[in-house]
Amino acid sequence: MAQKNAQNSLPPELINIISQLGERIRIARKRRAITMKEMSSRMFVNRKTLGRLEKGDAGVSLAVFASALWTLGLHKDLMEVALPERDSVGVFHERKKLPTRVRASKSFDELDF
């Protein structure tokens, strides 16, 4: 039941993205000629869970998703998600907090390198 709630609580755009991710995992598995039974065994999940992942079920955990990527050798792609350097909104807000003027501290002379 929780799975249906997760699906219903997401915006349609996210449901579509999750569905596409599942489809991409399915395609990658098939390109490697790995059966669902083999893949689920390597992921330490049951075949039904892998099927839910490949169908884009939003109730499947992030750990299962990461495990699938690891099994397929695509886990390094996870490191590209939400990179701070690419967070333009976060960088904008961070820059707004920077002082407009910087003064030298009184103890500046004490620093000897």
C-alpha atoms as a PDB file:
ATOM      1  CA  MET A   1       0.000   0.000   0.000  1.00  0.00           C
ATOM      2  CA  ALA A   2       2.870   2.382   0.736  1.00  0.00           C
ATOM      3  CA  GLN A   3       4.066   1.958  -2.827  1.00  0.00           C
ATOM      4  CA  LYS A   4       0.821   3.337  -4.230  1.00  0.00           C
ATOM      5  CA  ASN A   5       1.003   6.284  -1.845  1.00  0.00           C
ATOM      6  CA  ALA A   6       4.544   7.050  -3.019  1.00  0.00           C
ATOM      7  CA  GLN A   7       3.390   6.937  -6.631  1.00  0.00           C
ATOM      8  CA  ASN A   8       0.377   9.169  -5.967  1.00  0.00           C
ATOM      9  CA  SER A   9       2.312  11.743  -3.954  1.00  0.00           C
ATOM     10  CA  LEU A  10       4.758  12.569  -6.735  1.00  0.00           C
ATOM     11  CA  PRO A  11       4.304  15.114  -9.505  1.00  0.00           C
ATOM     12  CA  PRO A  12       3.615  13.532 -12.906  1.00  0.00           C
ATOM     13  CA  GLU A  13       6.972  14.777 -14.219  1.00  0.00           C
ATOM     14  CA  LEU A  14       8.838  12.822 -11.519  1.00  0.00           C
ATOM     15  CA  ILE A  15       6.769   9.709 -12.135  1.00  0.00           C
ATOM     16  CA  ASN A  16       7.776   9.935 -15.790  1.00  0.00           C
ATOM     17  CA  ILE A  17      11.474  10.398 -14.926  1.00  0.00           C
ATOM     18  CA  ILE A  18      11.444   7.405 -12.554  1.00  0.00           C
ATOM     19  CA  SER A  19       9.755   5.333 -15.230  1.00  0.00           C
ATOM     20  CA  GLN A  20      12.438   6.324 -17.744  1.00  0.00           C
ATOM     21  CA  LEU A  21      15.197   5.404 -15.281  1.00  0.00           C
ATOM     22  CA  GLY A  22      13.653   1.977 -14.809  1.00  0.00           C
ATOM     23  CA  GLU A  23      13.451   1.499 -18.563  1.00  0.00           C
ATOM     24  CA  ARG A  24      17.112   2.494 -18.928  1.00  0.00           C
ATOM     25  CA  ILE A  25      18.123  -0.064 -16.320  1.00  0.00           C
ATOM     26  CA  ARG A  26      16.105  -2.717 -18.171  1.00  0.00           C
ATOM     27  CA  ILE A  27      17.802  -1.834 -21.470  1.00  0.00           C
ATOM     28  CA  ALA A  28      21.274  -1.889 -19.872  1.00  0.00           C
ATOM     29  CA  ARG A  29      20.546  -5.302 -18.319  1.00  0.00           C
ATOM     30  CA  LYS A  30      19.379  -6.725 -21.644  1.00  0.00           C
ATOM     31  CA  ARG A  31      22.352  -5.289 -23.542  1.00  0.00           C
ATOM     32  CA  ARG A  32      24.594  -7.177 -21.141  1.00  0.00           C
ATOM     33  CA  ALA A  33      22.549 -10.351 -21.705  1.00  0.00           C
ATOM     34  CA  ILE A  34      21.790 -10.649 -17.996  1.00  0.00           C
ATOM     35  CA  THR A  35      18.543 -12.373 -17.075  1.00  0.00           C
ATOM     36  CA  MET A  36      16.268 -10.931 -14.422  1.00  0.00           C
ATOM     37  CA  LYS A  37      17.042 -13.949 -12.236  1.00  0.00           C
ATOM     38  CA  GLU A  38      20.812 -13.370 -12.513  1.00  0.00           C
ATOM     39  CA  MET A  39      20.534  -9.638 -11.955  1.00  0.00           C
ATOM     40  CA  SER A  40      18.271  -9.895  -8.945  1.00  0.00           C
ATOM     41  CA  SER A  41      20.591 -12.510  -7.450  1.00  0.00           C
ATOM     42  CA  ARG A  42      23.610 -10.217  -7.905  1.00  0.00           C
ATOM     43  CA  MET A  43      21.639  -7.356  -6.317  1.00  0.00           C
ATOM     44  CA  PHE A  44      20.494  -9.534  -3.376  1.00  0.00           C
ATOM     45  CA  VAL A  45      16.836  -8.735  -4.071  1.00  0.00           C
ATOM     46  CA  ASN A  46      14.035 -10.887  -5.404  1.00  0.00           C
ATOM     47  CA  ARG A  47      12.981 -10.902  -9.041  1.00  0.00           C
ATOM     48  CA  LYS A  48       9.736  -9.088  -8.237  1.00  0.00           C
ATOM     49  CA  THR A  49      11.666  -6.127  -6.768  1.00  0.00           C
ATOM     50  CA  LEU A  50      13.830  -5.888  -9.883  1.00  0.00           C
ATOM     51  CA  GLY A  51      10.679  -5.998 -12.002  1.00  0.00           C
ATOM     52  CA  ARG A  52       9.194  -3.142  -9.992  1.00  0.00           C
ATOM     53  CA  LEU A  53      12.401  -1.138 -10.454  1.00  0.00           C
ATOM     54  CA  GLU A  54      12.419  -1.692 -14.204  1.00  0.00           C
ATOM     55  CA  LYS A  55       8.742  -0.696 -14.435  1.00  0.00           C
ATOM     56  CA  GLY A  56       9.490   2.599 -12.680  1.00  0.00           C
ATOM     57  CA  ASP A  57       7.753   1.890  -9.374  1.00  0.00           C
ATOM     58  CA  ALA A  58       8.432   4.928  -7.169  1.00  0.00           C
ATOM     59  CA  GLY A  59       8.179   2.769  -4.039  1.00  0.00           C
ATOM     60  CA  VAL A  60      11.434   0.947  -4.808  1.00  0.00           C
ATOM     61  CA  SER A  61      14.210   2.106  -2.491  1.00  0.00           C
ATOM     62  CA  LEU A  62      17.195   4.156  -3.506  1.00  0.00           C
ATOM     63  CA  ALA A  63      19.417   1.313  -2.276  1.00  0.00           C
ATOM     64  CA  VAL A  64      17.845  -1.046  -4.829  1.00  0.00           C
ATOM     65  CA  PHE A  65      18.349   1.539  -7.566  1.00  0.00           C
ATOM     66  CA  ALA A  66      22.008   2.050  -6.554  1.00  0.00           C
ATOM     67  CA  SER A  67      22.527  -1.711  -6.376  1.00  0.00           C
ATOM     68  CA  ALA A  68      21.196  -2.111  -9.913  1.00  0.00           C
ATOM     69  CA  LEU A  69      23.578   0.556 -11.198  1.00  0.00           C
ATOM     70  CA  TRP A  70      26.473  -1.106  -9.364  1.00  0.00           C
ATOM     71  CA  THR A  71      25.583  -4.497 -10.820  1.00  0.00           C
ATOM     72  CA  LEU A  72      25.559  -2.988 -14.306  1.00  0.00           C
ATOM     73  CA  GLY A  73      28.823  -1.085 -13.753  1.00  0.00           C
ATOM     74  CA  LEU A  74      27.037   2.267 -13.942  1.00  0.00           C
ATOM     75  CA  HIS A  75      27.322   3.256 -10.274  1.00  0.00           C
ATOM     76  CA  LYS A  76      29.843   6.033 -10.954  1.00  0.00           C
ATOM     77  CA  ASP A  77      27.035   7.940 -12.660  1.00  0.00           C
ATOM     78  CA  LEU A  78      25.483   8.410  -9.210  1.00  0.00           C
ATOM     79  CA  MET A  79      28.356  10.716  -8.304  1.00  0.00           C
ATOM     80  CA  GLU A  80      27.112  13.145 -10.952  1.00  0.00           C
ATOM     81  CA  VAL A  81      23.763  13.612  -9.206  1.00  0.00           C
ATOM     82  CA  ALA A  82      23.249  16.868  -7.277  1.00  0.00           C
ATOM     83  CA  LEU A  83      26.833  18.076  -7.585  1.00  0.00           C
ATOM     84  CA  PRO A  84      27.311  21.250  -5.511  1.00  0.00           C
ATOM     85  CA  GLU A  85      29.253  22.857  -8.375  1.00  0.00           C
ATOM     86  CA  ARG A  86      26.246  22.469 -10.666  1.00  0.00           C
ATOM     87  CA  ASP A  87      23.735  23.812  -8.156  1.00  0.00           C
ATOM     88  CA  SER A  88      23.194  27.232  -9.720  1.00  0.00           C
ATOM     89  CA  VAL A  89      20.399  28.186  -7.303  1.00  0.00           C
ATOM     90  CA  GLY A  90      22.510  27.219  -4.276  1.00  0.00           C
ATOM     91  CA  VAL A  91      25.533  29.113  -5.624  1.00  0.00           C
ATOM     92  CA  PHE A  92      23.344  32.175  -6.218  1.00  0.00           C
ATOM     93  CA  HIS A  93      22.084  32.156  -2.616  1.00  0.00           C
ATOM     94  CA  GLU A  94      25.589  31.551  -1.302  1.00  0.00           C
ATOM     95  CA  ARG A  95      26.894  34.538  -3.239  1.00  0.00           C
ATOM     96  CA  LYS A  96      24.105  36.733  -1.868  1.00  0.00           C
ATOM     97  CA  LYS A  97      25.435  36.017   1.633  1.00  0.00           C
ATOM     98  CA  LEU A  98      28.974  37.135   0.810  1.00  0.00           C
ATOM     99  CA  PRO A  99      29.966  40.445   2.406  1.00  0.00           C
ATOM    100  CA  THR A 100      30.141  43.417   0.088  1.00  0.00           C
ATOM    101  CA  ARG A 101      33.241  44.702   1.813  1.00  0.00           C
ATOM    102  CA  VAL A 102      36.103  42.800   3.389  1.00  0.00           C
ATOM    103  CA  ARG A 103      38.326  44.439   5.969  1.00  0.00           C
ATOM    104  CA  ALA A 104      41.742  43.282   7.062  1.00  0.00           C
ATOM    105  CA  SER A 105      41.837  41.850  10.563  1.00  0.00           C
ATOM    106  CA  LYS A 106      43.869  43.546  13.264  1.00  0.00           C
ATOM    107  CA  SER A 107      45.956  40.439  13.764  1.00  0.00           C
ATOM    108  CA  PHE A 108      46.998  40.295  10.087  1.00  0.00           C
ATOM    109  CA  ASP A 109      50.591  41.280  10.952  1.00  0.00           C
ATOM    110  CA  GLU A 110      50.924  38.330  13.316  1.00  0.00           C
ATOM    111  CA  LEU A 111      50.552  35.848  10.477  1.00  0.00           C
ATOM    112  CA  ASP A 112      54.059  34.993   9.320  1.00  0.00           C
ATOM    113  CA  PHE A 113      54.500  32.377   6.618  1.00  0.00           C
END
